[in-house]
Amino acid sequence: MLAHLRFPLAKSRGRRYPEPEHPYRNPFQRDRDRVIHARAFRRLEAKTQVFSPVVSDHFRNRLTHTIEVAQVARTVANVLQLDEDLVEGLSLVHDIGHPPFAHAGEAELNRQMARFGETFDHNIHALRIVESFEQRYARFPGLNLTFELREGIVKHSRDLVPGEHPELAEYLPELRPPLEAQIIDLADEIAYDCADLDDGYSAHILSVEGMREAVPFLADLLDTVETQYPGATEREQFQEVLRILLNGLVSGLIEGTATRAKETGVSTAEDVRHNTSRIAAFTAGARDTAASLKQFLRANLYCSPLLDEDRKLSTSRMAELFNYLLDNPQGLPEGMPVHRAVCDYIAGMTDLYFERTYREIFGA
């Protein structure tokens, strides 16, 4: 497949602080392990993916979503013959910078920081976590990950614009990231599209009939499965549909990326970096399927009254807490603007710790 585009480990730009080689783990394997042992990684267990943990403990949280992304991405990397260790490390770290309350929390922190002429971006925050906030070593700050892991954190989901973020200038904003990093964003999309359908159905917000009416390709899959398994329950039939859907999207990412690599004529990992656009891609059919799924989920799940009410309550409380801490910054780190310290503090919270802190300050 694409072994010729595999990132060559020997050409890694290494770590910010040099370390001796490990006797039986390569640098990307060590990166993966450092991410898994990070406190910020463990906190993902208590951060919302779509549904708040108080609704049910059956739904995905940010950690289980991350594991699903890693499973999809490793499968793709294995078939394409890319570096699975680099892919796994990037998958596991890709959401480590998310604040509480999912994307609503990120949007609210960004609104608060805009008052000070700054922004909040969970990928940039993730870089700060692994560079500074995690303190596990006496020899250096942060996790001292390889350049490729750190670059992938800020570039896996979008290309950088030269000059837009001066603090990221060392991460080659004029170049594309390695192909291993490029597949993470699409693996992420596959994982959350399928998982959110599953959780939305389990929450009785999405129905099989609603999917059948709104998404033609899901209707076709449902018809096929109902014919194959006429005695199965609706839930069992729906799970069969999800499996077919997941497999189809993963296959579409594998085939689309292989085709795109052939069309562009890239022959080395360095060519991938210098290409004018990304190589990782869906086939046309998988791209249309993913787009239809996102449109359906946005209209019927993410904007549903239940989630909208929960989102409004969470973000209003986040704004309250942000303003309170601005006026009462005792105990927050010094040496930085107060608004940045407040933002970092809230971003690191789990949903449950946020609620506990809010109750302690404002009451029930």
Protein backbone atom coordinates (compact mmCIF):
# COMPACT_ATOMS: atom_id res chain seq x y z
CA MET A 1 0.00 0.00 0.00
CA LEU A 2 1.70 3.21 1.19
CA ALA A 3 4.78 1.92 2.99
CA HIS A 4 6.87 4.30 0.90
CA LEU A 5 5.01 7.21 2.57
CA ARG A 6 5.50 5.89 6.11
CA PHE A 7 7.22 8.44 8.32
CA PRO A 8 10.84 7.28 8.77
CA LEU A 9 11.47 7.05 12.49
CA ALA A 10 15.20 7.55 11.94
CA LYS A 11 14.45 11.04 10.61
CA SER A 12 12.50 12.17 13.65
CA ARG A 13 13.51 15.63 14.83
CA GLY A 14 13.72 14.15 18.29
CA ARG A 15 12.84 15.60 21.68
CA ARG A 16 13.27 19.13 22.94
CA TYR A 17 15.45 17.80 25.76
CA PRO A 18 17.74 14.96 24.57
CA GLU A 19 17.35 11.63 26.34
CA PRO A 20 19.17 8.30 26.03
CA GLU A 21 17.41 5.70 23.89
CA HIS A 22 15.27 3.11 25.63
CA PRO A 23 16.52 -0.50 25.34
CA TYR A 24 13.30 -1.94 23.86
CA ARG A 25 10.84 0.89 23.12
CA ASN A 26 11.25 3.22 20.18
CA PRO A 27 10.60 6.97 20.61
CA PHE A 28 7.00 6.87 19.36
CA GLN A 29 6.16 3.97 21.66
CA ARG A 30 7.55 5.95 24.57
CA ASP A 31 5.45 8.95 23.49
CA ARG A 32 2.34 6.78 23.52
CA ASP A 33 3.12 5.47 26.99
CA ARG A 34 3.79 8.94 28.36
CA VAL A 35 0.43 10.14 27.10
CA ILE A 36 -1.38 7.18 28.68
CA HIS A 37 0.24 7.87 32.07
CA ALA A 38 -0.51 11.62 31.97
CA ARG A 39 -3.02 13.01 34.45
CA ALA A 40 -4.70 14.97 31.67
CA PHE A 41 -5.33 11.71 29.81
CA ARG A 42 -6.99 10.14 32.85
CA ARG A 43 -9.23 13.17 33.28
CA LEU A 44 -10.79 12.46 29.88
CA GLU A 45 -12.82 9.74 31.61
CA ALA A 46 -14.92 12.41 33.34
CA LYS A 47 -15.27 14.81 30.41
CA THR A 48 -18.36 14.91 28.22
CA GLN A 49 -18.33 13.65 24.66
CA VAL A 50 -21.97 14.41 23.79
CA PHE A 51 -24.01 13.31 26.81
CA SER A 52 -23.26 14.43 30.34
CA PRO A 53 -22.14 11.57 32.60
CA VAL A 54 -25.09 12.26 34.92
CA VAL A 55 -27.48 11.11 32.15
CA SER A 56 -26.16 7.55 31.93
CA ASP A 57 -22.90 5.69 32.36
CA HIS A 58 -23.47 3.75 29.12
CA PHE A 59 -22.71 6.66 26.81
CA ARG A 60 -19.30 7.57 25.46
CA ASN A 61 -17.13 9.95 27.40
CA ARG A 62 -14.08 11.74 26.05
CA LEU A 63 -11.80 8.85 27.04
CA THR A 64 -13.81 6.02 25.48
CA HIS A 65 -14.18 8.14 22.34
CA THR A 66 -10.40 8.54 22.27
CA ILE A 67 -9.95 4.77 22.50
CA GLU A 68 -12.36 4.28 19.59
CA VAL A 69 -10.43 6.81 17.49
CA ALA A 70 -7.20 4.96 18.24
CA GLN A 71 -8.80 1.66 17.16
CA VAL A 72 -9.98 3.11 13.84
CA ALA A 73 -6.73 4.95 13.16
CA ARG A 74 -4.54 1.94 13.93
CA THR A 75 -6.59 -0.21 11.58
CA VAL A 76 -6.14 2.33 8.79
CA ALA A 77 -2.42 2.70 9.51
CA ASN A 78 -1.93 -1.06 9.55
CA VAL A 79 -3.56 -1.56 6.16
CA LEU A 80 -1.77 1.41 4.61
CA GLN A 81 1.52 0.26 6.21
CA LEU A 82 2.12 3.53 8.02
CA ASP A 83 3.75 3.91 11.44
CA GLU A 84 1.16 2.48 13.86
CA ASP A 85 3.00 3.69 16.96
CA LEU A 86 2.98 7.30 15.75
CA VAL A 87 -0.69 6.98 14.80
CA GLU A 88 -1.64 5.50 18.15
CA GLY A 89 0.20 8.18 20.10
CA LEU A 90 -1.48 10.93 18.09
CA SER A 91 -4.90 9.29 18.50
CA LEU A 92 -4.54 9.06 22.26
CA VAL A 93 -3.36 12.65 22.66
CA HIS A 94 -5.66 14.31 20.12
CA ASP A 95 -8.39 15.34 22.62
CA ILE A 96 -6.26 15.81 25.71
CA GLY A 97 -6.79 19.58 25.63
CA HIS A 98 -10.60 19.52 25.65
CA PRO A 99 -12.26 21.48 28.48
CA PRO A 100 -15.38 20.27 30.30
CA PHE A 101 -18.74 20.21 28.48
CA ALA A 102 -17.39 19.18 25.08
CA HIS A 103 -17.36 21.68 22.22
CA ALA A 104 -19.79 23.96 24.03
CA GLY A 105 -17.21 24.40 26.77
CA GLU A 106 -14.50 25.17 24.23
CA ALA A 107 -16.70 27.75 22.51
CA GLU A 108 -17.49 29.42 25.85
CA LEU A 109 -13.85 29.63 26.89
CA ASN A 110 -13.06 31.09 23.49
CA ARG A 111 -15.79 33.72 24.02
CA GLN A 112 -14.36 34.62 27.39
CA MET A 113 -10.82 34.90 26.06
CA ALA A 114 -12.01 37.07 23.16
CA ARG A 115 -12.71 39.79 25.72
CA PHE A 116 -8.95 40.01 26.19
CA GLY A 117 -8.04 39.78 22.53
CA GLU A 118 -7.06 36.11 22.82
CA THR A 119 -8.51 32.73 21.88
CA PHE A 120 -8.91 29.26 23.28
CA ASP A 121 -8.21 26.30 21.02
CA HIS A 122 -8.16 22.79 22.49
CA ASN A 123 -5.30 21.67 20.22
CA ILE A 124 -3.06 24.54 21.26
CA HIS A 125 -4.06 23.94 24.86
CA ALA A 126 -3.13 20.26 24.45
CA LEU A 127 0.34 21.32 23.34
CA ARG A 128 0.71 23.46 26.47
CA ILE A 129 -0.36 20.50 28.58
CA VAL A 130 2.30 18.16 27.21
CA GLU A 131 4.94 20.91 27.09
CA SER A 132 4.43 22.48 30.51
CA PHE A 133 1.49 21.45 32.68
CA GLU A 134 2.32 17.77 33.09
CA GLN A 135 5.12 17.54 35.63
CA ARG A 136 6.35 13.96 35.85
CA TYR A 137 10.10 14.28 35.32
CA ALA A 138 12.90 15.87 37.31
CA ARG A 139 15.02 16.49 34.21
CA PHE A 140 12.62 18.58 32.14
CA PRO A 141 9.16 20.19 32.12
CA GLY A 142 6.23 18.46 30.47
CA LEU A 143 6.35 15.05 28.81
CA ASN A 144 9.20 15.86 26.41
CA LEU A 145 7.41 14.21 23.49
CA THR A 146 9.00 13.91 20.08
CA PHE A 147 8.66 16.74 17.61
CA GLU A 148 6.30 14.65 15.45
CA LEU A 149 3.84 14.06 18.31
CA ARG A 150 3.86 17.73 19.22
CA GLU A 151 3.50 18.80 15.60
CA GLY A 152 0.63 16.37 15.12
CA ILE A 153 -1.20 17.77 18.14
CA VAL A 154 -1.54 21.20 16.52
CA LYS A 155 -1.76 20.11 12.86
CA HIS A 156 -3.76 16.86 12.77
CA SER A 157 -7.10 18.59 12.17
CA ARG A 158 -6.04 21.61 10.13
CA ASP A 159 -3.05 23.12 8.40
CA LEU A 160 -1.37 26.04 10.07
CA VAL A 161 -1.23 29.40 8.35
CA PRO A 162 2.28 30.88 8.45
CA GLY A 163 2.33 33.85 10.82
CA GLU A 164 -1.14 33.18 12.28
CA HIS A 165 0.26 31.68 15.48
CA PRO A 166 3.80 32.96 16.06
CA GLU A 167 4.13 30.68 19.09
CA LEU A 168 3.79 27.68 16.74
CA ALA A 169 6.39 28.80 14.20
CA GLU A 170 8.69 25.87 15.04
CA TYR A 171 6.07 23.38 13.83
CA LEU A 172 6.65 24.03 10.12
CA PRO A 173 3.41 25.92 9.36
CA GLU A 174 4.30 26.07 5.66
CA LEU A 175 4.30 22.24 5.40
CA ARG A 176 1.71 19.48 5.74
CA PRO A 177 2.05 17.09 8.71
CA PRO A 178 3.08 13.46 8.09
CA LEU A 179 0.42 11.16 6.67
CA GLU A 180 0.12 9.47 10.08
CA ALA A 181 -1.12 12.76 11.53
CA GLN A 182 -3.42 13.48 8.59
CA ILE A 183 -5.53 10.36 9.09
CA ILE A 184 -6.34 11.21 12.72
CA ASP A 185 -8.96 13.84 11.94
CA LEU A 186 -10.86 11.55 9.57
CA ALA A 187 -10.61 8.61 11.98
CA ASP A 188 -12.01 10.95 14.62
CA GLU A 189 -14.92 11.82 12.32
CA ILE A 190 -15.68 8.15 11.66
CA ALA A 191 -15.60 7.32 15.37
CA TYR A 192 -17.89 10.11 16.53
CA ASP A 193 -20.36 9.80 13.65
CA CYS A 194 -21.01 6.13 14.41
CA ALA A 195 -20.83 6.52 18.19
CA ASP A 196 -23.20 9.49 18.26
CA LEU A 197 -25.74 7.58 16.20
CA ASP A 198 -25.48 4.75 18.71
CA ASP A 199 -25.72 6.97 21.80
CA GLY A 200 -28.49 9.09 20.29
CA TYR A 201 -30.52 5.95 19.59
CA SER A 202 -29.88 4.61 23.10
CA ALA A 203 -30.99 7.94 24.57
CA HIS A 204 -34.27 7.70 22.59
CA ILE A 205 -33.51 10.99 20.84
CA LEU A 206 -32.86 9.34 17.47
CA SER A 207 -35.20 6.72 16.08
CA VAL A 208 -34.76 4.13 13.38
CA GLU A 209 -37.72 5.56 11.50
CA GLY A 210 -36.28 9.06 11.73
CA MET A 211 -32.99 7.84 10.29
CA ARG A 212 -34.81 5.97 7.55
CA GLU A 213 -36.70 9.09 6.48
CA ALA A 214 -33.81 11.54 6.71
CA VAL A 215 -30.79 9.57 5.46
CA PRO A 216 -31.38 7.45 2.32
CA PHE A 217 -28.23 5.33 2.63
CA LEU A 218 -29.18 4.42 6.21
CA ALA A 219 -32.61 3.42 4.91
CA ASP A 220 -30.93 1.08 2.42
CA LEU A 221 -28.77 -0.44 5.14
CA LEU A 222 -31.78 -0.90 7.42
CA ASP A 223 -33.72 -2.64 4.66
CA THR A 224 -30.79 -4.97 3.97
CA VAL A 225 -30.31 -5.88 7.63
CA GLU A 226 -34.03 -6.39 8.26
CA THR A 227 -34.10 -8.82 5.34
CA GLN A 228 -31.03 -10.69 6.60
CA TYR A 229 -32.13 -10.84 10.24
CA PRO A 230 -35.96 -10.75 10.27
CA GLY A 231 -36.17 -12.30 13.75
CA ALA A 232 -33.73 -9.89 15.41
CA THR A 233 -34.85 -7.04 17.65
CA GLU A 234 -34.73 -3.49 16.38
CA ARG A 235 -31.73 -2.82 18.64
CA GLU A 236 -29.84 -5.81 17.24
CA GLN A 237 -30.66 -4.82 13.67
CA PHE A 238 -29.48 -1.29 14.36
CA GLN A 239 -26.17 -2.57 15.74
CA GLU A 240 -25.67 -4.53 12.51
CA VAL A 241 -26.27 -1.33 10.55
CA LEU A 242 -23.68 0.50 12.63
CA ARG A 243 -21.10 -2.21 11.97
CA ILE A 244 -21.67 -2.03 8.22
CA LEU A 245 -21.51 1.76 8.35
CA LEU A 246 -18.28 1.81 10.36
CA ASN A 247 -16.63 -0.71 8.09
CA GLY A 248 -17.69 1.21 5.01
CA LEU A 249 -16.29 4.51 6.29
CA VAL A 250 -12.99 2.94 7.35
CA SER A 251 -12.67 1.24 3.96
CA GLY A 252 -13.51 4.55 2.31
CA LEU A 253 -10.69 6.27 4.21
CA ILE A 254 -8.20 3.54 3.28
CA GLU A 255 -9.17 3.50 -0.39
CA GLY A 256 -9.50 7.27 -0.66
CA THR A 257 -6.07 7.88 0.85
CA ALA A 258 -4.40 5.28 -1.38
CA THR A 259 -6.07 6.78 -4.46
CA ARG A 260 -5.18 10.33 -3.48
CA ALA A 261 -1.53 9.35 -2.94
CA LYS A 262 -1.43 7.82 -6.42
CA GLU A 263 -3.08 10.83 -8.05
CA THR A 264 -0.69 13.33 -6.47
CA GLY A 265 2.37 11.28 -7.32
CA VAL A 266 4.00 11.61 -3.92
CA SER A 267 6.72 9.00 -3.47
CA THR A 268 8.25 9.76 -0.07
CA ALA A 269 7.18 10.98 3.36
CA GLU A 270 8.95 14.26 2.59
CA ASP A 271 6.82 14.63 -0.56
CA VAL A 272 3.72 14.33 1.66
CA ARG A 273 4.96 17.28 3.68
CA HIS A 274 5.60 19.43 0.62
CA ASN A 275 2.40 18.57 -1.21
CA THR A 276 0.08 21.54 -1.63
CA SER A 277 -2.83 19.70 0.01
CA ARG A 278 -3.41 16.76 2.30
CA ILE A 279 -3.15 13.18 1.13
CA ALA A 280 -5.52 11.57 3.64
CA ALA A 281 -9.01 11.55 2.14
CA PHE A 282 -12.27 9.65 1.87
CA THR A 283 -13.54 8.20 -1.38
CA ALA A 284 -16.32 10.31 -2.88
CA GLY A 285 -18.96 7.91 -1.59
CA ALA A 286 -17.58 7.82 1.96
CA ARG A 287 -17.20 11.60 1.95
CA ASP A 288 -20.86 12.04 1.00
CA THR A 289 -21.91 9.52 3.63
CA ALA A 290 -19.94 11.30 6.34
CA ALA A 291 -21.35 14.68 5.31
CA SER A 292 -24.91 13.35 5.40
CA LEU A 293 -24.33 11.84 8.83
CA LYS A 294 -22.97 15.08 10.23
CA GLN A 295 -25.92 17.03 8.85
CA PHE A 296 -28.39 14.53 10.32
CA LEU A 297 -26.70 14.48 13.73
CA ARG A 298 -26.48 18.25 13.89
CA ALA A 299 -30.15 18.70 13.12
CA ASN A 300 -31.54 15.85 15.20
CA LEU A 301 -29.09 15.23 18.06
CA TYR A 302 -26.69 18.07 18.76
CA CYS A 303 -29.45 20.69 18.48
CA SER A 304 -32.10 18.60 20.23
CA PRO A 305 -33.97 20.33 23.09
CA LEU A 306 -32.44 18.04 25.73
CA LEU A 307 -28.85 18.71 24.74
CA ASP A 308 -29.51 22.37 23.97
CA GLU A 309 -30.89 22.97 27.45
CA ASP A 310 -27.94 21.19 29.07
CA ARG A 311 -25.49 23.11 26.87
CA LYS A 312 -26.98 26.51 27.78
CA LEU A 313 -26.89 25.71 31.49
CA SER A 314 -23.28 24.50 31.36
CA THR A 315 -21.95 27.45 29.39
CA SER A 316 -23.77 30.02 31.55
CA ARG A 317 -22.22 28.47 34.65
CA MET A 318 -18.81 28.46 32.99
CA ALA A 319 -19.15 32.19 32.31
CA GLU A 320 -20.13 32.76 35.94
CA LEU A 321 -17.18 30.81 37.27
CA PHE A 322 -14.78 32.50 34.84
CA ASN A 323 -15.83 35.95 36.02
CA TYR A 324 -15.73 34.94 39.68
CA LEU A 325 -12.18 33.64 39.35
CA LEU A 326 -11.09 36.79 37.54
CA ASP A 327 -12.05 38.71 40.67
CA ASN A 328 -10.81 36.04 43.07
CA PRO A 329 -7.63 34.55 41.57
CA GLN A 330 -6.17 33.42 44.90
CA GLY A 331 -4.47 30.08 44.50
CA LEU A 332 -4.14 30.28 40.72
CA PRO A 333 -0.67 30.16 39.13
CA GLU A 334 1.21 33.45 39.01
CA GLY A 335 3.53 34.72 36.33
CA MET A 336 0.84 34.95 33.64
CA PRO A 337 -2.18 37.20 32.99
CA VAL A 338 -5.05 36.37 35.32
CA HIS A 339 -7.46 35.65 32.47
CA ARG A 340 -5.05 33.06 31.05
CA ALA A 341 -4.61 31.41 34.43
CA VAL A 342 -8.39 31.25 34.86
CA CYS A 343 -8.84 29.80 31.38
CA ASP A 344 -6.19 27.13 31.96
CA TYR A 345 -7.69 26.22 35.32
CA ILE A 346 -11.22 25.75 33.98
CA ALA A 347 -9.99 23.95 30.84
CA GLY A 348 -8.29 21.35 33.01
CA MET A 349 -11.43 20.56 34.98
CA THR A 350 -13.55 17.49 34.49
CA ASP A 351 -17.29 18.05 34.21
CA LEU A 352 -17.83 16.68 37.71
CA TYR A 353 -15.06 18.76 39.27
CA PHE A 354 -16.47 21.84 37.58
CA GLU A 355 -19.92 21.17 39.05
CA ARG A 356 -18.44 20.56 42.48
CA THR A 357 -16.42 23.78 42.33
CA TYR A 358 -19.45 25.72 41.10
CA ARG A 359 -21.62 24.43 43.97
CA GLU A 360 -18.95 25.28 46.54
CA ILE A 361 -18.84 28.87 45.30
CA PHE A 362 -22.42 29.61 44.27
CA GLY A 363 -24.42 27.03 46.20
CA ALA A 364 -26.75 24.33 44.84
